[in-house]
PDB file of N, CA and C in Angstrom:
ATOM      1  N   MET A   1     -14.866   7.957 -11.594  1.00  0.00           N
ATOM      2  CA  MET A   1     -13.516   8.501 -11.509  1.00  0.00           C
ATOM      3  C   MET A   1     -12.978   8.734 -12.921  1.00  0.00           C
ATOM      4  N   ASN A   2     -12.228   9.744 -13.100  1.00  0.00           N
ATOM      5  CA  ASN A   2     -11.643  10.091 -14.381  1.00  0.00           C
ATOM      6  C   ASN A   2     -10.522   9.113 -14.740  1.00  0.00           C
ATOM      7  N   ASP A   3     -10.514   8.614 -15.987  1.00  0.00           N
ATOM      8  CA  ASP A   3      -9.473   7.694 -16.429  1.00  0.00           C
ATOM      9  C   ASP A   3      -8.150   8.391 -16.709  1.00  0.00           C
ATOM     10  N   TYR A   4      -8.173   9.702 -16.886  1.00  0.00           N
ATOM     11  CA  TYR A   4      -6.977  10.455 -17.226  1.00  0.00           C
ATOM     12  C   TYR A   4      -6.517  11.250 -16.022  1.00  0.00           C
ATOM     13  N   SER A   5      -5.393  10.886 -15.487  1.00  0.00           N
ATOM     14  CA  SER A   5      -4.850  11.585 -14.324  1.00  0.00           C
ATOM     15  C   SER A   5      -4.210  12.890 -14.778  1.00  0.00           C
ATOM     16  N   ASP A   6      -4.577  13.973 -14.131  1.00  0.00           N
ATOM     17  CA  ASP A   6      -4.092  15.286 -14.530  1.00  0.00           C
ATOM     18  C   ASP A   6      -3.021  15.762 -13.557  1.00  0.00           C
ATOM     19  N   PHE A   7      -1.780  15.594 -13.952  1.00  0.00           N
ATOM     20  CA  PHE A   7      -0.645  16.094 -13.193  1.00  0.00           C
ATOM     21  C   PHE A   7       0.482  16.359 -14.183  1.00  0.00           C
ATOM     22  N   PRO A   8       1.422  17.225 -13.816  1.00  0.00           N
ATOM     23  CA  PRO A   8       2.497  17.568 -14.748  1.00  0.00           C
ATOM     24  C   PRO A   8       3.533  16.454 -14.879  1.00  0.00           C
ATOM     25  N   ILE A   9       4.011  16.281 -16.103  1.00  0.00           N
ATOM     26  CA  ILE A   9       5.131  15.379 -16.379  1.00  0.00           C
ATOM     27  C   ILE A   9       6.153  16.196 -17.155  1.00  0.00           C
ATOM     28  N   GLU A  10       7.294  16.414 -16.537  1.00  0.00           N
ATOM     29  CA  GLU A  10       8.356  17.195 -17.166  1.00  0.00           C
ATOM     30  C   GLU A  10       9.342  16.253 -17.841  1.00  0.00           C
ATOM     31  N   PHE A  11       9.854  16.669 -18.987  1.00  0.00           N
ATOM     32  CA  PHE A  11      10.860  15.871 -19.692  1.00  0.00           C
ATOM     33  C   PHE A  11      11.953  16.803 -20.189  1.00  0.00           C
ATOM     34  N   ARG A  12      13.182  16.458 -19.861  1.00  0.00           N
ATOM     35  CA  ARG A  12      14.347  17.228 -20.286  1.00  0.00           C
ATOM     36  C   ARG A  12      15.322  16.272 -20.952  1.00  0.00           C
ATOM     37  N   SER A  13      15.892  16.715 -22.059  1.00  0.00           N
ATOM     38  CA  SER A  13      16.832  15.865 -22.770  1.00  0.00           C
ATOM     39  C   SER A  13      18.010  16.685 -23.262  1.00  0.00           C
ATOM     40  N   ASP A  14      19.187  16.099 -23.190  1.00  0.00           N
ATOM     41  CA  ASP A  14      20.391  16.723 -23.717  1.00  0.00           C
ATOM     42  C   ASP A  14      20.624  16.348 -25.185  1.00  0.00           C
ATOM     43  N   LEU A  15      19.801  15.465 -25.732  1.00  0.00           N
ATOM     44  CA  LEU A  15      19.965  15.059 -27.122  1.00  0.00           C
ATOM     45  C   LEU A  15      19.661  16.246 -28.029  1.00  0.00           C
ATOM     46  N   GLU A  16      20.365  16.333 -29.145  1.00  0.00           N
ATOM     47  CA  GLU A  16      20.174  17.468 -30.046  1.00  0.00           C
ATOM     48  C   GLU A  16      18.744  17.531 -30.576  1.00  0.00           C
ATOM     49  N   SER A  17      18.177  16.392 -30.900  1.00  0.00           N
ATOM     50  CA  SER A  17      16.788  16.366 -31.374  1.00  0.00           C
ATOM     51  C   SER A  17      16.092  15.157 -30.736  1.00  0.00           C
ATOM     52  N   PRO A  18      15.599  15.336 -29.508  1.00  0.00           N
ATOM     53  CA  PRO A  18      14.960  14.203 -28.832  1.00  0.00           C
ATOM     54  C   PRO A  18      13.701  13.758 -29.575  1.00  0.00           C
ATOM     55  N   ASP A  19      13.543  12.463 -29.677  1.00  0.00           N
ATOM     56  CA  ASP A  19      12.418  11.863 -30.372  1.00  0.00           C
ATOM     57  C   ASP A  19      11.149  12.031 -29.544  1.00  0.00           C
ATOM     58  N   ILE A  20      10.044  12.382 -30.187  1.00  0.00           N
ATOM     59  CA  ILE A  20       8.765  12.533 -29.480  1.00  0.00           C
ATOM     60  C   ILE A  20       8.336  11.204 -28.857  1.00  0.00           C
ATOM     61  N   ASP A  21       8.802  10.094 -29.427  1.00  0.00           N
ATOM     62  CA  ASP A  21       8.462   8.777 -28.886  1.00  0.00           C
ATOM     63  C   ASP A  21       8.953   8.609 -27.452  1.00  0.00           C
ATOM     64  N   TYR A  22      10.029   9.289 -27.099  1.00  0.00           N
ATOM     65  CA  TYR A  22      10.534   9.215 -25.727  1.00  0.00           C
ATOM     66  C   TYR A  22       9.502   9.791 -24.760  1.00  0.00           C
ATOM     67  N   TYR A  23       9.001  10.978 -25.089  1.00  0.00           N
ATOM     68  CA  TYR A  23       8.014  11.600 -24.198  1.00  0.00           C
ATOM     69  C   TYR A  23       6.720  10.798 -24.176  1.00  0.00           C
ATOM     70  N   VAL A  24       6.305  10.285 -25.312  1.00  0.00           N
ATOM     71  CA  VAL A  24       5.074   9.492 -25.383  1.00  0.00           C
ATOM     72  C   VAL A  24       5.200   8.246 -24.505  1.00  0.00           C
ATOM     73  N   GLU A  25       6.343   7.601 -24.551  1.00  0.00           N
ATOM     74  CA  GLU A  25       6.589   6.416 -23.716  1.00  0.00           C
ATOM     75  C   GLU A  25       6.482   6.770 -22.233  1.00  0.00           C
ATOM     76  N   ILE A  26       7.110   7.863 -21.845  1.00  0.00           N
ATOM     77  CA  ILE A  26       7.080   8.304 -20.445  1.00  0.00           C
ATOM     78  C   ILE A  26       5.648   8.624 -20.022  1.00  0.00           C
ATOM     79  N   GLU A  27       4.977   9.443 -20.812  1.00  0.00           N
ATOM     80  CA  GLU A  27       3.620   9.871 -20.466  1.00  0.00           C
ATOM     81  C   GLU A  27       2.659   8.680 -20.391  1.00  0.00           C
ATOM     82  N   ASP A  28       2.691   7.813 -21.383  1.00  0.00           N
ATOM     83  CA  ASP A  28       1.780   6.663 -21.398  1.00  0.00           C
ATOM     84  C   ASP A  28       1.971   5.768 -20.179  1.00  0.00           C
ATOM     85  N   ARG A  29       3.204   5.460 -19.872  1.00  0.00           N
ATOM     86  CA  ARG A  29       3.453   4.515 -18.782  1.00  0.00           C
ATOM     87  C   ARG A  29       3.193   5.119 -17.406  1.00  0.00           C
ATOM     88  N   ILE A  30       3.519   6.382 -17.210  1.00  0.00           N
ATOM     89  CA  ILE A  30       3.276   6.996 -15.900  1.00  0.00           C
ATOM     90  C   ILE A  30       1.782   7.237 -15.691  1.00  0.00           C
ATOM     91  N   ARG A  31       1.096   7.670 -16.728  1.00  0.00           N
ATOM     92  CA  ARG A  31      -0.350   7.871 -16.590  1.00  0.00           C
ATOM     93  C   ARG A  31      -1.075   6.538 -16.389  1.00  0.00           C
ATOM     94  N   ALA A  32      -0.601   5.474 -17.018  1.00  0.00           N
ATOM     95  CA  ALA A  32      -1.186   4.140 -16.793  1.00  0.00           C
ATOM     96  C   ALA A  32      -0.955   3.706 -15.350  1.00  0.00           C
ATOM     97  N   LEU A  33       0.215   4.008 -14.824  1.00  0.00           N
ATOM     98  CA  LEU A  33       0.529   3.676 -13.436  1.00  0.00           C
ATOM     99  C   LEU A  33      -0.370   4.435 -12.465  1.00  0.00           C
ATOM    100  N   ALA A  34      -0.758   5.651 -12.825  1.00  0.00           N
ATOM    101  CA  ALA A  34      -1.593   6.482 -11.958  1.00  0.00           C
ATOM    102  C   ALA A  34      -3.081   6.155 -12.077  1.00  0.00           C
ATOM    103  N   ARG A  35      -3.465   5.498 -13.156  1.00  0.00           N
ATOM    104  CA  ARG A  35      -4.887   5.230 -13.402  1.00  0.00           C
ATOM    105  C   ARG A  35      -5.516   4.492 -12.225  1.00  0.00           C
ATOM    106  N   GLY A  36      -6.603   5.045 -11.710  1.00  0.00           N
ATOM    107  CA  GLY A  36      -7.310   4.436 -10.597  1.00  0.00           C
ATOM    108  C   GLY A  36      -6.740   4.778  -9.230  1.00  0.00           C
ATOM    109  N   HIS A  37      -5.717   5.600  -9.205  1.00  0.00           N
ATOM    110  CA  HIS A  37      -5.074   5.997  -7.949  1.00  0.00           C
ATOM    111  C   HIS A  37      -4.991   7.512  -7.894  1.00  0.00           C
ATOM    112  N   GLN A  38      -4.826   8.043  -6.693  1.00  0.00           N
ATOM    113  CA  GLN A  38      -4.675   9.489  -6.557  1.00  0.00           C
ATOM    114  C   GLN A  38      -3.416   9.849  -5.786  1.00  0.00           C
ATOM    115  N   ASP A  39      -2.473   8.930  -5.729  1.00  0.00           N
ATOM    116  CA  ASP A  39      -1.256   9.165  -4.965  1.00  0.00           C
ATOM    117  C   ASP A  39      -0.153   9.857  -5.759  1.00  0.00           C
ATOM    118  N   ILE A  40      -0.185   9.800  -7.079  1.00  0.00           N
ATOM    119  CA  ILE A  40       0.854  10.422  -7.900  1.00  0.00           C
ATOM    120  C   ILE A  40       0.463  11.876  -8.188  1.00  0.00           C
ATOM    121  N   THR A  41       1.397  12.788  -7.891  1.00  0.00           N
ATOM    122  CA  THR A  41       1.116  14.214  -8.082  1.00  0.00           C
ATOM    123  C   THR A  41       1.937  14.840  -9.204  1.00  0.00           C
ATOM    124  N   GLY A  42       2.873  14.094  -9.784  1.00  0.00           N
ATOM    125  CA  GLY A  42       3.688  14.617 -10.873  1.00  0.00           C
ATOM    126  C   GLY A  42       4.849  13.690 -11.145  1.00  0.00           C
ATOM    127  N   ALA A  43       5.599  14.016 -12.190  1.00  0.00           N
ATOM    128  CA  ALA A  43       6.766  13.217 -12.540  1.00  0.00           C
ATOM    129  C   ALA A  43       7.755  14.082 -13.319  1.00  0.00           C
ATOM    130  N   ALA A  44       8.995  13.677 -13.291  1.00  0.00           N
ATOM    131  CA  ALA A  44      10.039  14.347 -14.054  1.00  0.00           C
ATOM    132  C   ALA A  44      10.944  13.271 -14.642  1.00  0.00           C
ATOM    133  N   ALA A  45      11.371  13.501 -15.871  1.00  0.00           N
ATOM    134  CA  ALA A  45      12.254  12.547 -16.535  1.00  0.00           C
ATOM    135  C   ALA A  45      13.356  13.315 -17.247  1.00  0.00           C
ATOM    136  N   SER A  46      14.516  12.707 -17.304  1.00  0.00           N
ATOM    137  CA  SER A  46      15.607  13.314 -18.060  1.00  0.00           C
ATOM    138  C   SER A  46      16.359  12.226 -18.804  1.00  0.00           C
ATOM    139  N   LEU A  47      16.884  12.609 -19.950  1.00  0.00           N
ATOM    140  CA  LEU A  47      17.695  11.717 -20.772  1.00  0.00           C
ATOM    141  C   LEU A  47      18.947  12.478 -21.135  1.00  0.00           C
ATOM    142  N   GLU A  48      20.085  11.945 -20.711  1.00  0.00           N
ATOM    143  CA  GLU A  48      21.350  12.639 -20.951  1.00  0.00           C
ATOM    144  C   GLU A  48      22.199  11.859 -21.925  1.00  0.00           C
ATOM    145  N   LYS A  49      22.796  12.596 -22.845  1.00  0.00           N
ATOM    146  CA  LYS A  49      23.697  11.971 -23.806  1.00  0.00           C
ATOM    147  C   LYS A  49      25.050  11.746 -23.151  1.00  0.00           C
ATOM    148  N   PRO A  50      25.826  10.847 -23.695  1.00  0.00           N
ATOM    149  CA  PRO A  50      27.140  10.580 -23.101  1.00  0.00           C
ATOM    150  C   PRO A  50      28.067  11.780 -23.238  1.00  0.00           C
ATOM    151  N   ALA A  51      28.914  11.907 -22.267  1.00  0.00           N
ATOM    152  CA  ALA A  51      29.920  12.973 -22.311  1.00  0.00           C
ATOM    153  C   ALA A  51      30.936  12.629 -23.392  1.00  0.00           C
ATOM    154  N   GLN A  52      31.474  13.646 -24.002  1.00  0.00           N
ATOM    155  CA  GLN A  52      32.515  13.428 -24.997  1.00  0.00           C
ATOM    156  C   GLN A  52      33.790  13.014 -24.274  1.00  0.00           C
ATOM    157  N   GLY A  53      34.271  11.861 -24.599  1.00  0.00           N
ATOM    158  CA  GLY A  53      35.460  11.373 -23.925  1.00  0.00           C
ATOM    159  C   GLY A  53      36.069  10.218 -24.682  1.00  0.00           C
ATOM    160  N   ARG A  54      36.712   9.347 -23.964  1.00  0.00           N
ATOM    161  CA  ARG A  54      37.414   8.233 -24.591  1.00  0.00           C
ATOM    162  C   ARG A  54      36.547   6.989 -24.748  1.00  0.00           C
ATOM    163  N   GLU A  55      35.331   7.018 -24.272  1.00  0.00           N
ATOM    164  CA  GLU A  55      34.480   5.845 -24.354  1.00  0.00           C
ATOM    165  C   GLU A  55      34.211   5.481 -25.808  1.00  0.00           C
ATOM    166  N   THR A  56      34.277   4.174 -26.112  1.00  0.00           N
ATOM    167  CA  THR A  56      34.003   3.725 -27.465  1.00  0.00           C
ATOM    168  C   THR A  56      32.510   3.500 -27.678  1.00  0.00           C
ATOM    169  N   THR A  57      31.799   3.085 -26.649  1.00  0.00           N
ATOM    170  CA  THR A  57      30.365   2.879 -26.731  1.00  0.00           C
ATOM    171  C   THR A  57      29.674   3.974 -25.940  1.00  0.00           C
ATOM    172  N   PRO A  58      28.802   4.736 -26.594  1.00  0.00           N
ATOM    173  CA  PRO A  58      28.097   5.782 -25.853  1.00  0.00           C
ATOM    174  C   PRO A  58      27.129   5.190 -24.831  1.00  0.00           C
ATOM    175  N   ILE A  59      27.077   5.787 -23.679  1.00  0.00           N
ATOM    176  CA  ILE A  59      26.173   5.346 -22.623  1.00  0.00           C
ATOM    177  C   ILE A  59      25.197   6.488 -22.353  1.00  0.00           C
ATOM    178  N   PHE A  60      23.910   6.184 -22.517  1.00  0.00           N
ATOM    179  CA  PHE A  60      22.868   7.155 -22.238  1.00  0.00           C
ATOM    180  C   PHE A  60      22.335   6.898 -20.834  1.00  0.00           C
ATOM    181  N   GLU A  61      22.003   7.977 -20.129  1.00  0.00           N
ATOM    182  CA  GLU A  61      21.473   7.862 -18.770  1.00  0.00           C
ATOM    183  C   GLU A  61      20.080   8.460 -18.711  1.00  0.00           C
ATOM    184  N   ALA A  62      19.127   7.634 -18.287  1.00  0.00           N
ATOM    185  CA  ALA A  62      17.755   8.096 -18.110  1.00  0.00           C
ATOM    186  C   ALA A  62      17.440   8.120 -16.620  1.00  0.00           C
ATOM    187  N   SER A  63      16.807   9.197 -16.176  1.00  0.00           N
ATOM    188  CA  SER A  63      16.380   9.334 -14.781  1.00  0.00           C
ATOM    189  C   SER A  63      14.888   9.629 -14.771  1.00  0.00           C
ATOM    190  N   ILE A  64      14.174   8.932 -13.898  1.00  0.00           N
ATOM    191  CA  ILE A  64      12.741   9.147 -13.739  1.00  0.00           C
ATOM    192  C   ILE A  64      12.468   9.368 -12.260  1.00  0.00           C
ATOM    193  N   VAL A  65      11.709  10.410 -11.945  1.00  0.00           N
ATOM    194  CA  VAL A  65      11.254  10.659 -10.573  1.00  0.00           C
ATOM    195  C   VAL A  65       9.733  10.751 -10.624  1.00  0.00           C
ATOM    196  N   VAL A  66       9.075   9.964  -9.777  1.00  0.00           N
ATOM    197  CA  VAL A  66       7.622  10.033  -9.658  1.00  0.00           C
ATOM    198  C   VAL A  66       7.318  10.635  -8.298  1.00  0.00           C
ATOM    199  N   TYR A  67       6.601  11.754  -8.321  1.00  0.00           N
ATOM    200  CA  TYR A  67       6.207  12.414  -7.081  1.00  0.00           C
ATOM    201  C   TYR A  67       4.925  11.735  -6.613  1.00  0.00           C
ATOM    202  N   ILE A  68       5.069  10.923  -5.584  1.00  0.00           N
ATOM    203  CA  ILE A  68       3.976  10.092  -5.097  1.00  0.00           C
ATOM    204  C   ILE A  68       3.923  10.210  -3.587  1.00  0.00           C
ATOM    205  N   ARG A  69       2.719  10.231  -3.063  1.00  0.00           N
ATOM    206  CA  ARG A  69       2.572  10.288  -1.607  1.00  0.00           C
ATOM    207  C   ARG A  69       2.689   8.884  -1.043  1.00  0.00           C
ATOM    208  N   PRO A  70       3.338   8.640   0.041  1.00  0.00           N
ATOM    209  CA  PRO A  70       3.983   9.597   0.935  1.00  0.00           C
ATOM    210  C   PRO A  70       5.448   9.852   0.604  1.00  0.00           C
ATOM    211  N   THR A  71       6.076   9.045  -0.251  1.00  0.00           N
ATOM    212  CA  THR A  71       7.495   9.202  -0.531  1.00  0.00           C
ATOM    213  C   THR A  71       7.749   9.133  -2.030  1.00  0.00           C
ATOM    214  N   SER A  72       8.444  10.106  -2.585  1.00  0.00           N
ATOM    215  CA  SER A  72       8.755  10.101  -4.009  1.00  0.00           C
ATOM    216  C   SER A  72       9.677   8.935  -4.349  1.00  0.00           C
ATOM    217  N   ILE A  73       9.617   8.516  -5.600  1.00  0.00           N
ATOM    218  CA  ILE A  73      10.378   7.355  -6.061  1.00  0.00           C
ATOM    219  C   ILE A  73      11.209   7.763  -7.269  1.00  0.00           C
ATOM    220  N   ALA A  74      12.443   7.267  -7.337  1.00  0.00           N
ATOM    221  CA  ALA A  74      13.329   7.600  -8.443  1.00  0.00           C
ATOM    222  C   ALA A  74      14.042   6.349  -8.937  1.00  0.00           C
ATOM    223  N   ALA A  75      14.412   6.391 -10.222  1.00  0.00           N
ATOM    224  CA  ALA A  75      15.195   5.298 -10.807  1.00  0.00           C
ATOM    225  C   ALA A  75      16.092   5.871 -11.895  1.00  0.00           C
ATOM    226  N   VAL A  76      17.234   5.234 -12.079  1.00  0.00           N
ATOM    227  CA  VAL A  76      18.199   5.634 -13.104  1.00  0.00           C
ATOM    228  C   VAL A  76      18.609   4.382 -13.861  1.00  0.00           C
ATOM    229  N   GLU A  77      18.731   4.519 -15.172  1.00  0.00           N
ATOM    230  CA  GLU A  77      19.171   3.409 -16.016  1.00  0.00           C
ATOM    231  C   GLU A  77      20.189   3.931 -17.011  1.00  0.00           C
ATOM    232  N   LYS A  78      21.255   3.165 -17.216  1.00  0.00           N
ATOM    233  CA  LYS A  78      22.292   3.529 -18.185  1.00  0.00           C
ATOM    234  C   LYS A  78      22.441   2.391 -19.184  1.00  0.00           C
ATOM    235  N   THR A  79      22.452   2.752 -20.454  1.00  0.00           N
ATOM    236  CA  THR A  79      22.667   1.766 -21.506  1.00  0.00           C
ATOM    237  C   THR A  79      23.091   2.479 -22.793  1.00  0.00           C
ATOM    238  N   ASP A  80      23.413   1.725 -23.816  1.00  0.00           N
ATOM    239  CA  ASP A  80      23.894   2.319 -25.059  1.00  0.00           C
ATOM    240  C   ASP A  80      22.774   2.774 -25.988  1.00  0.00           C
ATOM    241  N   ASP A  81      21.518   2.546 -25.612  1.00  0.00           N
ATOM    242  CA  ASP A  81      20.375   2.957 -26.424  1.00  0.00           C
ATOM    243  C   ASP A  81      19.478   3.874 -25.591  1.00  0.00           C
ATOM    244  N   PRO A  82      19.185   5.080 -26.071  1.00  0.00           N
ATOM    245  CA  PRO A  82      18.410   6.020 -25.251  1.00  0.00           C
ATOM    246  C   PRO A  82      17.006   5.526 -24.903  1.00  0.00           C
ATOM    247  N   LEU A  83      16.314   4.888 -25.847  1.00  0.00           N
ATOM    248  CA  LEU A  83      14.961   4.399 -25.561  1.00  0.00           C
ATOM    249  C   LEU A  83      14.991   3.262 -24.543  1.00  0.00           C
ATOM    250  N   LYS A  84      15.972   2.378 -24.658  1.00  0.00           N
ATOM    251  CA  LYS A  84      16.096   1.284 -23.690  1.00  0.00           C
ATOM    252  C   LYS A  84      16.430   1.812 -22.299  1.00  0.00           C
ATOM    253  N   ALA A  85      17.208   2.878 -22.237  1.00  0.00           N
ATOM    254  CA  ALA A  85      17.518   3.488 -20.939  1.00  0.00           C
ATOM    255  C   ALA A  85      16.242   4.028 -20.304  1.00  0.00           C
ATOM    256  N   LEU A  86      15.415   4.739 -21.089  1.00  0.00           N
ATOM    257  CA  LEU A  86      14.147   5.251 -20.565  1.00  0.00           C
ATOM    258  C   LEU A  86      13.229   4.109 -20.136  1.00  0.00           C
ATOM    259  N   GLN A  87      13.121   3.087 -20.965  1.00  0.00           N
ATOM    260  CA  GLN A  87      12.243   1.960 -20.643  1.00  0.00           C
ATOM    261  C   GLN A  87      12.701   1.241 -19.376  1.00  0.00           C
ATOM    262  N   GLY A  88      14.009   1.095 -19.206  1.00  0.00           N
ATOM    263  CA  GLY A  88      14.528   0.447 -18.008  1.00  0.00           C
ATOM    264  C   GLY A  88      14.238   1.248 -16.751  1.00  0.00           C
ATOM    265  N   ALA A  89      14.413   2.569 -16.833  1.00  0.00           N
ATOM    266  CA  ALA A  89      14.126   3.422 -15.678  1.00  0.00           C
ATOM    267  C   ALA A  89      12.627   3.409 -15.370  1.00  0.00           C
ATOM    268  N   LEU A  90      11.790   3.429 -16.399  1.00  0.00           N
ATOM    269  CA  LEU A  90      10.341   3.371 -16.189  1.00  0.00           C
ATOM    270  C   LEU A  90       9.919   2.050 -15.546  1.00  0.00           C
ATOM    271  N   THR A  91      10.497   0.963 -15.999  1.00  0.00           N
ATOM    272  CA  THR A  91      10.177  -0.348 -15.423  1.00  0.00           C
ATOM    273  C   THR A  91      10.549  -0.380 -13.944  1.00  0.00           C
ATOM    274  N   ALA A  92      11.703   0.177 -13.602  1.00  0.00           N
ATOM    275  CA  ALA A  92      12.135   0.202 -12.205  1.00  0.00           C
ATOM    276  C   ALA A  92      11.207   1.062 -11.350  1.00  0.00           C
ATOM    277  N   VAL A  93      10.784   2.216 -11.880  1.00  0.00           N
ATOM    278  CA  VAL A  93       9.865   3.091 -11.150  1.00  0.00           C
ATOM    279  C   VAL A  93       8.513   2.410 -10.958  1.00  0.00           C
ATOM    280  N   GLU A  94       8.009   1.765 -11.997  1.00  0.00           N
ATOM    281  CA  GLU A  94       6.728   1.066 -11.903  1.00  0.00           C
ATOM    282  C   GLU A  94       6.764  -0.007 -10.813  1.00  0.00           C
ATOM    283  N   ARG A  95       7.845  -0.758 -10.781  1.00  0.00           N
ATOM    284  CA  ARG A  95       7.997  -1.808  -9.770  1.00  0.00           C
ATOM    285  C   ARG A  95       8.017  -1.206  -8.368  1.00  0.00           C
ATOM    286  N   GLN A  96       8.763  -0.114  -8.193  1.00  0.00           N
ATOM    287  CA  GLN A  96       8.852   0.522  -6.879  1.00  0.00           C
ATOM    288  C   GLN A  96       7.516   1.107  -6.430  1.00  0.00           C
ATOM    289  N   VAL A  97       6.773   1.702  -7.360  1.00  0.00           N
ATOM    290  CA  VAL A  97       5.459   2.260  -7.012  1.00  0.00           C
ATOM    291  C   VAL A  97       4.528   1.142  -6.575  1.00  0.00           C
ATOM    292  N   ARG A  98       4.506   0.046  -7.314  1.00  0.00           N
ATOM    293  CA  ARG A  98       3.634  -1.081  -6.942  1.00  0.00           C
ATOM    294  C   ARG A  98       4.027  -1.659  -5.580  1.00  0.00           C
ATOM    295  N   GLU A  99       5.326  -1.761  -5.336  1.00  0.00           N
ATOM    296  CA  GLU A  99       5.784  -2.270  -4.040  1.00  0.00           C
ATOM    297  C   GLU A  99       5.370  -1.330  -2.909  1.00  0.00           C
ATOM    298  N   GLN A 100       5.501  -0.018  -3.137  1.00  0.00           N
ATOM    299  CA  GLN A 100       5.115   0.953  -2.103  1.00  0.00           C
ATOM    300  C   GLN A 100       3.618   0.866  -1.838  1.00  0.00           C
ATOM    301  N   ARG A 101       2.821   0.742  -2.873  1.00  0.00           N
ATOM    302  CA  ARG A 101       1.373   0.630  -2.691  1.00  0.00           C
ATOM    303  C   ARG A 101       1.002  -0.632  -1.931  1.00  0.00           C
ATOM    304  N   GLU A 102       1.652  -1.739  -2.248  1.00  0.00           N
ATOM    305  CA  GLU A 102       1.399  -2.996  -1.529  1.00  0.00           C
ATOM    306  C   GLU A 102       1.758  -2.867  -0.042  1.00  0.00           C
ATOM    307  N   LYS A 103       2.893  -2.240   0.190  1.00  0.00           N
ATOM    308  CA  LYS A 103       3.344  -2.051   1.579  1.00  0.00           C
ATOM    309  C   LYS A 103       2.349  -1.195   2.350  1.00  0.00           C
ATOM    310  N   LEU A 104       1.851  -0.119   1.722  1.00  0.00           N
ATOM    311  CA  LEU A 104       0.883   0.764   2.400  1.00  0.00           C
ATOM    312  C   LEU A 104      -0.456   0.057   2.634  1.00  0.00           C
ATOM    313  N   ARG A 105      -0.838  -0.832   1.723  1.00  0.00           N
ATOM    314  CA  ARG A 105      -2.083  -1.589   1.924  1.00  0.00           C
ATOM    315  C   ARG A 105      -1.986  -2.518   3.115  1.00  0.00           C
ATOM    316  N   GLY A 106      -0.750  -2.938   3.422  1.00  0.00           N
ATOM    317  CA  GLY A 106      -0.540  -3.860   4.538  1.00  0.00           C
ATOM    318  C   GLY A 106      -0.665  -3.203   5.904  1.00  0.00           C
ATOM    319  N   TYR A 107      -0.620  -1.877   5.946  1.00  0.00           N
ATOM    320  CA  TYR A 107      -0.683  -1.174   7.228  1.00  0.00           C
ATOM    321  C   TYR A 107      -2.102  -1.026   7.681  1.00  0.00           C
TER     322      TYR A 107
END
């Protein structure tokens, strides 16, 4: 079996100059999650900057969707650091994928 899962991973960011490390983090973790499995068919991630307003601390929102059979999985994380927001959303998606796989193995 191929160690590299070939499926699209889309990344969209509202940041003026998104760091390549954000995409690398997303790609590495989602491809690691797919390794040895054929249930993931793609993923999409977004990182949004805080709206201009009265907030004193900027809040970044990261969203991750993993297209996985039989049901897609999504997670959202908000925090004051964009990388931590992405990492939190990825951790939540990883946990949900593992739980879904365990549940399907039980059937």
